[in-house]
PDB file of N, CA and C in Angstrom:
ATOM      1  N   MET A   1       0.848  -1.170   0.000  1.00  0.00           N
ATOM      2  CA  MET A   1       0.000   0.000   0.000  1.00  0.00           C
ATOM      3  C   MET A   1       0.892   1.230   0.000  1.00  0.00           C
ATOM      4  N   GLN A   2       0.475   2.265  -0.730  1.00  0.00           N
ATOM      5  CA  GLN A   2       1.262   3.480  -0.815  1.00  0.00           C
ATOM      6  C   GLN A   2       0.578   4.626  -0.081  1.00  0.00           C
ATOM      7  N   ALA A   3       1.390   5.469   0.518  1.00  0.00           N
ATOM      8  CA  ALA A   3       0.918   6.710   1.116  1.00  0.00           C
ATOM      9  C   ALA A   3       1.583   7.837   0.347  1.00  0.00           C
ATOM     10  N   ALA A   4       0.833   8.896   0.055  1.00  0.00           N
ATOM     11  CA  ALA A   4       1.372  10.022  -0.700  1.00  0.00           C
ATOM     12  C   ALA A   4       1.308  11.282   0.157  1.00  0.00           C
ATOM     13  N   TYR A   5       2.381  12.055   0.076  1.00  0.00           N
ATOM     14  CA  TYR A   5       2.496  13.295   0.834  1.00  0.00           C
ATOM     15  C   TYR A   5       2.907  14.409  -0.108  1.00  0.00           C
ATOM     16  N   LEU A   6       2.418  15.611   0.154  1.00  0.00           N
ATOM     17  CA  LEU A   6       2.803  16.782  -0.607  1.00  0.00           C
ATOM     18  C   LEU A   6       3.308  17.821   0.370  1.00  0.00           C
ATOM     19  N   SER A   7       4.503  18.318   0.118  1.00  0.00           N
ATOM     20  CA  SER A   7       5.089  19.369   0.936  1.00  0.00           C
ATOM     21  C   SER A   7       5.144  20.631   0.090  1.00  0.00           C
ATOM     22  N   ILE A   8       4.549  21.706   0.610  1.00  0.00           N
ATOM     23  CA  ILE A   8       4.580  23.008  -0.052  1.00  0.00           C
ATOM     24  C   ILE A   8       5.160  23.987   0.953  1.00  0.00           C
ATOM     25  N   GLY A   9       6.373  24.467   0.687  1.00  0.00           N
ATOM     26  CA  GLY A   9       7.044  25.316   1.665  1.00  0.00           C
ATOM     27  C   GLY A   9       7.261  24.520   2.938  1.00  0.00           C
ATOM     28  N   THR A  10       6.708  24.984   4.046  1.00  0.00           N
ATOM     29  CA  THR A  10       6.853  24.283   5.325  1.00  0.00           C
ATOM     30  C   THR A  10       5.628  23.462   5.697  1.00  0.00           C
ATOM     31  N   LYS A  11       4.630  23.423   4.837  1.00  0.00           N
ATOM     32  CA  LYS A  11       3.397  22.678   5.108  1.00  0.00           C
ATOM     33  C   LYS A  11       3.468  21.283   4.500  1.00  0.00           C
ATOM     34  N   LEU A  12       3.016  20.295   5.256  1.00  0.00           N
ATOM     35  CA  LEU A  12       2.981  18.911   4.784  1.00  0.00           C
ATOM     36  C   LEU A  12       1.527  18.446   4.743  1.00  0.00           C
ATOM     37  N   PHE A  13       1.141  17.866   3.615  1.00  0.00           N
ATOM     38  CA  PHE A  13      -0.225  17.400   3.430  1.00  0.00           C
ATOM     39  C   PHE A  13      -0.220  15.910   3.111  1.00  0.00           C
ATOM     40  N   TYR A  14      -1.085  15.153   3.791  1.00  0.00           N
ATOM     41  CA  TYR A  14      -1.313  13.746   3.474  1.00  0.00           C
ATOM     42  C   TYR A  14      -2.377  13.712   2.390  1.00  0.00           C
ATOM     43  N   LEU A  15      -2.083  13.060   1.295  1.00  0.00           N
ATOM     44  CA  LEU A  15      -3.027  12.995   0.181  1.00  0.00           C
ATOM     45  C   LEU A  15      -3.854  11.723   0.254  1.00  0.00           C
ATOM     46  N   PRO A  16      -5.146  11.806  -0.037  1.00  0.00           N
ATOM     47  CA  PRO A  16      -5.997  10.612  -0.027  1.00  0.00           C
ATOM     48  C   PRO A  16      -5.487   9.572  -1.031  1.00  0.00           C
ATOM     49  N   SER A  17      -5.783   8.323  -0.767  1.00  0.00           N
ATOM     50  CA  SER A  17      -5.326   7.239  -1.645  1.00  0.00           C
ATOM     51  C   SER A  17      -5.943   7.327  -3.038  1.00  0.00           C
ATOM     52  N   THR A  18      -7.032   8.062  -3.184  1.00  0.00           N
ATOM     53  CA  THR A  18      -7.702   8.202  -4.478  1.00  0.00           C
ATOM     54  C   THR A  18      -7.118   9.332  -5.325  1.00  0.00           C
ATOM     55  N   THR A  19      -6.104  10.013  -4.824  1.00  0.00           N
ATOM     56  CA  THR A  19      -5.523  11.150  -5.537  1.00  0.00           C
ATOM     57  C   THR A  19      -4.863  10.713  -6.840  1.00  0.00           C
ATOM     58  N   ASP A  20      -5.136  11.434  -7.904  1.00  0.00           N
ATOM     59  CA  ASP A  20      -4.476  11.219  -9.195  1.00  0.00           C
ATOM     60  C   ASP A  20      -3.109  11.905  -9.115  1.00  0.00           C
ATOM     61  N   LEU A  21      -2.087  11.149  -8.726  1.00  0.00           N
ATOM     62  CA  LEU A  21      -0.759  11.722  -8.512  1.00  0.00           C
ATOM     63  C   LEU A  21      -0.145  12.264  -9.795  1.00  0.00           C
ATOM     64  N   ALA A  22      -0.343  11.564 -10.907  1.00  0.00           N
ATOM     65  CA  ALA A  22       0.193  12.043 -12.186  1.00  0.00           C
ATOM     66  C   ALA A  22      -0.467  13.366 -12.585  1.00  0.00           C
ATOM     67  N   GLY A  23      -1.766  13.467 -12.381  1.00  0.00           N
ATOM     68  CA  GLY A  23      -2.485  14.693 -12.696  1.00  0.00           C
ATOM     69  C   GLY A  23      -2.063  15.845 -11.800  1.00  0.00           C
ATOM     70  N   LEU A  24      -1.898  15.574 -10.506  1.00  0.00           N
ATOM     71  CA  LEU A  24      -1.461  16.602  -9.566  1.00  0.00           C
ATOM     72  C   LEU A  24      -0.055  17.077  -9.927  1.00  0.00           C
ATOM     73  N   ARG A  25       0.808  16.145 -10.238  1.00  0.00           N
ATOM     74  CA  ARG A  25       2.180  16.502 -10.627  1.00  0.00           C
ATOM     75  C   ARG A  25       2.172  17.384 -11.878  1.00  0.00           C
ATOM     76  N   ALA A  26       1.323  17.043 -12.837  1.00  0.00           N
ATOM     77  CA  ALA A  26       1.226  17.847 -14.058  1.00  0.00           C
ATOM     78  C   ALA A  26       0.731  19.261 -13.753  1.00  0.00           C
ATOM     79  N   ARG A  27      -0.273  19.392 -12.866  1.00  0.00           N
ATOM     80  CA  ARG A  27      -0.800  20.716 -12.515  1.00  0.00           C
ATOM     81  C   ARG A  27       0.246  21.548 -11.767  1.00  0.00           C
ATOM     82  N   LEU A  28       1.015  20.908 -10.877  1.00  0.00           N
ATOM     83  CA  LEU A  28       2.073  21.614 -10.155  1.00  0.00           C
ATOM     84  C   LEU A  28       3.159  22.091 -11.119  1.00  0.00           C
ATOM     85  N   THR A  29       3.531  21.226 -12.049  1.00  0.00           N
ATOM     86  CA  THR A  29       4.554  21.577 -13.039  1.00  0.00           C
ATOM     87  C   THR A  29       4.074  22.719 -13.934  1.00  0.00           C
ATOM     88  N   MET A  30       2.834  22.643 -14.394  1.00  0.00           N
ATOM     89  CA  MET A  30       2.270  23.681 -15.261  1.00  0.00           C
ATOM     90  C   MET A  30       2.244  25.030 -14.533  1.00  0.00           C
ATOM     91  N   ALA A  31       1.842  25.028 -13.272  1.00  0.00           N
ATOM     92  CA  ALA A  31       1.789  26.276 -12.507  1.00  0.00           C
ATOM     93  C   ALA A  31       3.174  26.904 -12.401  1.00  0.00           C
ATOM     94  N   THR A  32       4.182  26.095 -12.196  1.00  0.00           N
ATOM     95  CA  THR A  32       5.547  26.604 -12.095  1.00  0.00           C
ATOM     96  C   THR A  32       6.015  27.162 -13.434  1.00  0.00           C
ATOM     97  N   ARG A  33       5.747  26.448 -14.513  1.00  0.00           N
ATOM     98  CA  ARG A  33       6.159  26.904 -15.849  1.00  0.00           C
ATOM     99  C   ARG A  33       5.464  28.192 -16.270  1.00  0.00           C
ATOM    100  N   GLU A  34       4.237  28.392 -15.787  1.00  0.00           N
ATOM    101  CA  GLU A  34       3.482  29.600 -16.125  1.00  0.00           C
ATOM    102  C   GLU A  34       3.887  30.800 -15.270  1.00  0.00           C
ATOM    103  N   GLY A  35       4.801  30.602 -14.324  1.00  0.00           N
ATOM    104  CA  GLY A  35       5.225  31.698 -13.460  1.00  0.00           C
ATOM    105  C   GLY A  35       4.418  31.797 -12.182  1.00  0.00           C
ATOM    106  N   GLY A  36       3.467  30.889 -11.992  1.00  0.00           N
ATOM    107  CA  GLY A  36       2.651  30.851 -10.782  1.00  0.00           C
ATOM    108  C   GLY A  36       1.184  30.679 -11.115  1.00  0.00           C
ATOM    109  N   ALA A  37       0.503  29.898 -10.328  1.00  0.00           N
ATOM    110  CA  ALA A  37      -0.933  29.678 -10.513  1.00  0.00           C
ATOM    111  C   ALA A  37      -1.484  28.979  -9.275  1.00  0.00           C
ATOM    112  N   MET A  38      -2.793  29.089  -9.108  1.00  0.00           N
ATOM    113  CA  MET A  38      -3.471  28.384  -8.026  1.00  0.00           C
ATOM    114  C   MET A  38      -3.691  26.932  -8.464  1.00  0.00           C
ATOM    115  N   VAL A  39      -3.387  26.001  -7.554  1.00  0.00           N
ATOM    116  CA  VAL A  39      -3.560  24.580  -7.825  1.00  0.00           C
ATOM    117  C   VAL A  39      -4.415  23.989  -6.709  1.00  0.00           C
ATOM    118  N   ASP A  40      -5.445  23.233  -7.070  1.00  0.00           N
ATOM    119  CA  ASP A  40      -6.281  22.553  -6.079  1.00  0.00           C
ATOM    120  C   ASP A  40      -5.531  21.339  -5.549  1.00  0.00           C
ATOM    121  N   ILE A  41      -5.460  21.236  -4.212  1.00  0.00           N
ATOM    122  CA  ILE A  41      -4.771  20.144  -3.535  1.00  0.00           C
ATOM    123  C   ILE A  41      -5.808  19.335  -2.774  1.00  0.00           C
ATOM    124  N   PRO A  42      -5.998  18.054  -3.134  1.00  0.00           N
ATOM    125  CA  PRO A  42      -6.974  17.239  -2.393  1.00  0.00           C
ATOM    126  C   PRO A  42      -6.388  16.806  -1.048  1.00  0.00           C
ATOM    127  N   VAL A  43      -7.134  17.038   0.005  1.00  0.00           N
ATOM    128  CA  VAL A  43      -6.776  16.539   1.333  1.00  0.00           C
ATOM    129  C   VAL A  43      -8.007  15.865   1.898  1.00  0.00           C
ATOM    130  N   GLU A  44      -7.837  15.098   2.956  1.00  0.00           N
ATOM    131  CA  GLU A  44      -8.974  14.354   3.519  1.00  0.00           C
ATOM    132  C   GLU A  44     -10.135  15.289   3.842  1.00  0.00           C
ATOM    133  N   GLY A  45     -11.260  15.065   3.198  1.00  0.00           N
ATOM    134  CA  GLY A  45     -12.486  15.782   3.514  1.00  0.00           C
ATOM    135  C   GLY A  45     -12.671  17.114   2.818  1.00  0.00           C
ATOM    136  N   THR A  46     -11.663  17.634   2.121  1.00  0.00           N
ATOM    137  CA  THR A  46     -11.806  18.935   1.480  1.00  0.00           C
ATOM    138  C   THR A  46     -10.774  19.091   0.367  1.00  0.00           C
ATOM    139  N   THR A  47     -10.786  20.245  -0.259  1.00  0.00           N
ATOM    140  CA  THR A  47      -9.783  20.592  -1.267  1.00  0.00           C
ATOM    141  C   THR A  47      -9.236  21.962  -0.911  1.00  0.00           C
ATOM    142  N   LEU A  48      -7.919  22.083  -0.908  1.00  0.00           N
ATOM    143  CA  LEU A  48      -7.264  23.362  -0.648  1.00  0.00           C
ATOM    144  C   LEU A  48      -6.781  23.946  -1.960  1.00  0.00           C
ATOM    145  N   ALA A  49      -6.731  25.259  -2.046  1.00  0.00           N
ATOM    146  CA  ALA A  49      -6.140  25.923  -3.202  1.00  0.00           C
ATOM    147  C   ALA A  49      -4.830  26.543  -2.737  1.00  0.00           C
ATOM    148  N   ALA A  50      -3.742  26.228  -3.442  1.00  0.00           N
ATOM    149  CA  ALA A  50      -2.426  26.743  -3.077  1.00  0.00           C
ATOM    150  C   ALA A  50      -1.826  27.486  -4.259  1.00  0.00           C
ATOM    151  N   LEU A  51      -1.195  28.623  -3.970  1.00  0.00           N
ATOM    152  CA  LEU A  51      -0.494  29.372  -5.002  1.00  0.00           C
ATOM    153  C   LEU A  51       0.883  28.755  -5.168  1.00  0.00           C
ATOM    154  N   ILE A  52       1.136  28.172  -6.326  1.00  0.00           N
ATOM    155  CA  ILE A  52       2.402  27.527  -6.632  1.00  0.00           C
ATOM    156  C   ILE A  52       3.198  28.464  -7.528  1.00  0.00           C
ATOM    157  N   THR A  53       4.414  28.806  -7.093  1.00  0.00           N
ATOM    158  CA  THR A  53       5.276  29.717  -7.846  1.00  0.00           C
ATOM    159  C   THR A  53       6.631  29.058  -8.095  1.00  0.00           C
ATOM    160  N   PRO A  54       7.406  29.583  -9.060  1.00  0.00           N
ATOM    161  CA  PRO A  54       8.696  28.966  -9.378  1.00  0.00           C
ATOM    162  C   PRO A  54       9.681  28.901  -8.200  1.00  0.00           C
ATOM    163  N   GLY A  55       9.649  29.830  -7.272  1.00  0.00           N
ATOM    164  CA  GLY A  55      10.606  29.835  -6.162  1.00  0.00           C
ATOM    165  C   GLY A  55      10.168  29.051  -4.943  1.00  0.00           C
ATOM    166  N   LEU A  56       9.000  28.443  -5.000  1.00  0.00           N
ATOM    167  CA  LEU A  56       8.449  27.729  -3.848  1.00  0.00           C
ATOM    168  C   LEU A  56       8.891  26.266  -3.849  1.00  0.00           C
ATOM    169  N   PRO A  57       9.487  25.787  -2.742  1.00  0.00           N
ATOM    170  CA  PRO A  57       9.860  24.369  -2.712  1.00  0.00           C
ATOM    171  C   PRO A  57       8.620  23.484  -2.578  1.00  0.00           C
ATOM    172  N   VAL A  58       8.463  22.567  -3.520  1.00  0.00           N
ATOM    173  CA  VAL A  58       7.327  21.651  -3.546  1.00  0.00           C
ATOM    174  C   VAL A  58       7.870  20.237  -3.730  1.00  0.00           C
ATOM    175  N   PHE A  59       7.433  19.314  -2.851  1.00  0.00           N
ATOM    176  CA  PHE A  59       7.869  17.921  -2.935  1.00  0.00           C
ATOM    177  C   PHE A  59       6.643  17.023  -2.925  1.00  0.00           C
ATOM    178  N   LEU A  60       6.589  16.100  -3.854  1.00  0.00           N
ATOM    179  CA  LEU A  60       5.542  15.090  -3.921  1.00  0.00           C
ATOM    180  C   LEU A  60       6.222  13.761  -3.649  1.00  0.00           C
ATOM    181  N   GLU A  61       5.826  13.098  -2.565  1.00  0.00           N
ATOM    182  CA  GLU A  61       6.512  11.886  -2.114  1.00  0.00           C
ATOM    183  C   GLU A  61       5.521  10.743  -1.931  1.00  0.00           C
ATOM    184  N   THR A  62       5.917   9.566  -2.374  1.00  0.00           N
ATOM    185  CA  THR A  62       5.125   8.372  -2.099  1.00  0.00           C
ATOM    186  C   THR A  62       5.996   7.399  -1.316  1.00  0.00           C
ATOM    187  N   ARG A  63       5.384   6.706  -0.390  1.00  0.00           N
ATOM    188  CA  ARG A  63       6.077   5.715   0.441  1.00  0.00           C
ATOM    189  C   ARG A  63       5.262   4.445   0.490  1.00  0.00           C
ATOM    190  N   GLU A  64       5.960   3.337   0.506  1.00  0.00           N
ATOM    191  CA  GLU A  64       5.310   2.053   0.725  1.00  0.00           C
ATOM    192  C   GLU A  64       5.085   1.892   2.227  1.00  0.00           C
ATOM    193  N   ILE A  65       3.862   1.583   2.603  1.00  0.00           N
ATOM    194  CA  ILE A  65       3.569   1.345   4.013  1.00  0.00           C
ATOM    195  C   ILE A  65       2.915  -0.027   4.142  1.00  0.00           C
ATOM    196  N   GLU A  66       3.077  -0.613   5.304  1.00  0.00           N
ATOM    197  CA  GLU A  66       2.482  -1.929   5.546  1.00  0.00           C
ATOM    198  C   GLU A  66       1.030  -1.772   5.957  1.00  0.00           C
ATOM    199  N   GLU A  67       0.238  -2.744   5.567  1.00  0.00           N
ATOM    200  CA  GLU A  67      -1.155  -2.772   6.001  1.00  0.00           C
ATOM    201  C   GLU A  67      -1.179  -2.976   7.512  1.00  0.00           C
ATOM    202  N   PRO A  68      -1.997  -2.226   8.231  1.00  0.00           N
ATOM    203  CA  PRO A  68      -2.065  -2.447   9.673  1.00  0.00           C
ATOM    204  C   PRO A  68      -2.627  -3.835   9.998  1.00  0.00           C
ATOM    205  N   THR A  69      -2.049  -4.474  10.982  1.00  0.00           N
ATOM    206  CA  THR A  69      -2.546  -5.783  11.405  1.00  0.00           C
ATOM    207  C   THR A  69      -3.337  -5.608  12.686  1.00  0.00           C
ATOM    208  N   PRO A  70      -4.419  -6.335  12.827  1.00  0.00           N
ATOM    209  CA  PRO A  70      -5.207  -6.208  14.060  1.00  0.00           C
ATOM    210  C   PRO A  70      -4.392  -6.703  15.247  1.00  0.00           C
ATOM    211  N   PRO A  71      -4.542  -6.054  16.394  1.00  0.00           N
ATOM    212  CA  PRO A  71      -3.789  -6.489  17.574  1.00  0.00           C
ATOM    213  C   PRO A  71      -4.249  -7.870  18.038  1.00  0.00           C
ATOM    214  N   ALA A  72      -3.318  -8.632  18.524  1.00  0.00           N
ATOM    215  CA  ALA A  72      -3.647  -9.961  19.061  1.00  0.00           C
ATOM    216  C   ALA A  72      -4.334  -9.780  20.418  1.00  0.00           C
ATOM    217  N   GLN A  73      -5.285 -10.659  20.693  1.00  0.00           N
ATOM    218  CA  GLN A  73      -5.973 -10.579  21.982  1.00  0.00           C
ATOM    219  C   GLN A  73      -5.083 -11.156  23.071  1.00  0.00           C
ATOM    220  N   SER A  74      -5.132 -10.509  24.211  1.00  0.00           N
ATOM    221  CA  SER A  74      -4.360 -11.045  25.343  1.00  0.00           C
ATOM    222  C   SER A  74      -5.163 -12.176  25.983  1.00  0.00           C
ATOM    223  N   ILE A  75      -4.526 -12.918  26.840  1.00  0.00           N
ATOM    224  CA  ILE A  75      -5.197 -14.030  27.525  1.00  0.00           C
ATOM    225  C   ILE A  75      -6.371 -13.486  28.342  1.00  0.00           C
ATOM    226  N   ALA A  76      -6.166 -12.352  29.006  1.00  0.00           N
ATOM    227  CA  ALA A  76      -7.238 -11.782  29.832  1.00  0.00           C
ATOM    228  C   ALA A  76      -8.453 -11.456  28.967  1.00  0.00           C
ATOM    229  N   GLU A  77      -8.245 -10.938  27.774  1.00  0.00           N
ATOM    230  CA  GLU A  77      -9.367 -10.609  26.894  1.00  0.00           C
ATOM    231  C   GLU A  77     -10.063 -11.895  26.439  1.00  0.00           C
ATOM    232  N   GLU A  78      -9.278 -12.925  26.131  1.00  0.00           N
ATOM    233  CA  GLU A  78      -9.874 -14.182  25.691  1.00  0.00           C
ATOM    234  C   GLU A  78     -10.722 -14.795  26.796  1.00  0.00           C
ATOM    235  N   GLU A  79     -10.247 -14.747  28.030  1.00  0.00           N
ATOM    236  CA  GLU A  79     -11.020 -15.292  29.160  1.00  0.00           C
ATOM    237  C   GLU A  79     -12.300 -14.488  29.350  1.00  0.00           C
ATOM    238  N   TRP A  80     -12.247 -13.203  29.172  1.00  0.00           N
ATOM    239  CA  TRP A  80     -13.412 -12.360  29.334  1.00  0.00           C
ATOM    240  C   TRP A  80     -14.468 -12.699  28.288  1.00  0.00           C
ATOM    241  N   LEU A  81     -14.016 -13.044  27.077  1.00  0.00           N
ATOM    242  CA  LEU A  81     -14.950 -13.363  26.007  1.00  0.00           C
ATOM    243  C   LEU A  81     -15.647 -14.707  26.232  1.00  0.00           C
ATOM    244  N   LEU A  82     -15.079 -15.580  27.036  1.00  0.00           N
ATOM    245  CA  LEU A  82     -15.670 -16.906  27.247  1.00  0.00           C
ATOM    246  C   LEU A  82     -16.902 -16.835  28.056  1.00  0.00           C
TER     247      LEU A  82
END
């Protein structure tokens, strides 16, 4: 499973798993080439608009993360369930 993060200046945003990363990368690149533009950034539950300019540090990062595993029940919990 992959997690995607976007860093704009000093702000870090976790991107939803449904984010079109190629499309976002293209919009960020286009804004920089045009000398600056507003780009919609999808975040959980909403969309932010960010002004992207050529001098602004922007990083788009993806990381492989492990699927969370359910915690094992302790003996005390198992006895309680009986």
